[in-house]
Protein backbone atom coordinates (compact mmCIF):
# COMPACT_ATOMS: atom_id res chain seq x y z
CA UNK A 1 -150.04 60.88 34.64
CA UNK A 2 -148.66 57.79 32.96
CA UNK A 3 -145.27 58.03 31.47
CA UNK A 4 -146.70 56.24 27.99
CA UNK A 5 -149.16 59.17 27.60
CA UNK A 6 -148.90 62.67 29.74
CA UNK A 7 -152.57 63.48 28.90
CA UNK A 8 -153.71 59.97 30.89
CA UNK A 9 -153.89 60.08 34.33
CA UNK A 10 -152.89 57.35 36.55
CA UNK A 11 -155.74 54.71 37.66
CA UNK A 12 -158.40 56.43 35.32
CA UNK A 13 -160.94 55.14 32.89
CA UNK A 14 -158.72 56.24 30.39
CA UNK A 15 -155.93 54.48 31.43
CA UNK A 16 -157.91 51.51 31.18
CA UNK A 17 -159.45 52.33 27.51
CA UNK A 18 -156.12 52.91 26.42
CA UNK A 19 -154.82 49.39 27.89
CA UNK A 20 -157.43 47.58 26.72
CA UNK A 21 -157.03 48.96 22.93
CA UNK A 22 -153.37 47.82 23.15
CA UNK A 23 -153.96 44.48 24.76
CA UNK A 24 -156.41 43.77 21.43
CA UNK A 25 -153.87 45.59 19.21
CA UNK A 26 -151.30 43.39 19.86
CA UNK A 27 -153.00 40.21 19.63
CA UNK A 28 -153.53 39.86 23.31
CA UNK A 29 -150.02 40.21 24.43
CA UNK A 30 -149.73 41.66 27.71
CA UNK A 31 -145.87 42.14 26.85
CA UNK A 32 -146.16 43.87 23.73
CA UNK A 33 -148.96 45.73 25.28
CA UNK A 34 -146.78 46.96 27.81
CA UNK A 35 -144.33 48.13 25.28
CA UNK A 36 -146.68 49.89 23.28
CA UNK A 37 -147.88 51.76 26.56
CA UNK A 38 -144.53 52.04 27.87
CA UNK A 39 -145.12 51.14 31.05
CA UNK A 40 -144.15 48.13 32.76
CA UNK A 41 -145.46 44.54 31.84
CA UNK A 42 -147.08 44.43 35.59
CA UNK A 43 -149.06 47.52 35.39
CA UNK A 44 -150.64 46.02 32.29
CA UNK A 45 -151.44 42.80 34.08
CA UNK A 46 -152.90 45.16 36.89
CA UNK A 47 -155.20 47.10 34.71
CA UNK A 48 -156.38 43.89 33.04
CA UNK A 49 -157.17 42.74 36.29
CA UNK A 50 -159.04 45.83 37.08
CA UNK A 51 -160.61 45.55 33.89
CA UNK A 52 -161.49 42.09 34.66
CA UNK A 53 -163.20 43.11 37.73
CA UNK A 54 -165.35 45.76 36.03
CA UNK A 55 -166.58 43.63 33.18
CA UNK A 56 -166.75 40.24 34.62
CA UNK A 57 -164.62 37.00 34.21
CA UNK A 58 -165.93 36.38 30.95
CA UNK A 59 -164.34 39.63 29.11
CA UNK A 60 -161.84 37.50 27.49
CA UNK A 61 -164.09 34.96 25.66
CA UNK A 62 -163.44 35.14 22.23
CA UNK A 63 -167.54 36.37 21.57
CA UNK A 64 -167.24 39.01 24.05
CA UNK A 65 -163.56 40.14 23.42
CA UNK A 66 -165.15 40.74 19.80
CA UNK A 67 -167.72 42.94 21.16
CA UNK A 68 -165.52 45.03 23.40
CA UNK A 69 -163.21 45.84 20.22
CA UNK A 70 -166.11 46.74 18.64
CA UNK A 71 -167.06 49.02 21.48
CA UNK A 72 -163.43 50.36 21.42
CA UNK A 73 -163.46 51.18 17.45
CA UNK A 74 -167.05 52.92 18.14
CA UNK A 75 -165.58 54.79 20.77
CA UNK A 76 -162.32 55.99 19.11
CA UNK A 77 -164.78 57.19 15.82
CA UNK A 78 -167.23 58.80 17.83
CA UNK A 79 -164.41 60.44 20.11
CA UNK A 80 -162.32 61.76 17.03
CA UNK A 81 -164.58 62.01 13.84
CA UNK A 82 -163.37 59.26 11.81
CA UNK A 83 -161.45 55.46 11.74
CA UNK A 84 -158.68 55.51 13.62
CA UNK A 85 -155.55 53.41 12.45
CA UNK A 86 -156.12 49.97 12.01
CA UNK A 87 -159.67 50.19 12.22
CA UNK A 88 -161.50 48.56 9.40
CA UNK A 89 -158.04 46.84 8.02
CA UNK A 90 -158.36 43.75 6.54
């Protein structure tokens, strides 16, 4: 289990999803994402490295990052039955 969210198992796909969402939600800031997740910044760096190995090196290019942000929002809507905080905000 991770300290930031007891329902998320360490090393799980959920860890990576939560990390990626926090990373984007904090303006692509590793340190602010770490604060939001209640983990050390090195944990965020390691998870982002793992995300990069899964998605390819281009995942941070603006058009690819937009696709990923949209996919995360769609995932949240499908999982929870509606938009989450910050979804569709101006």
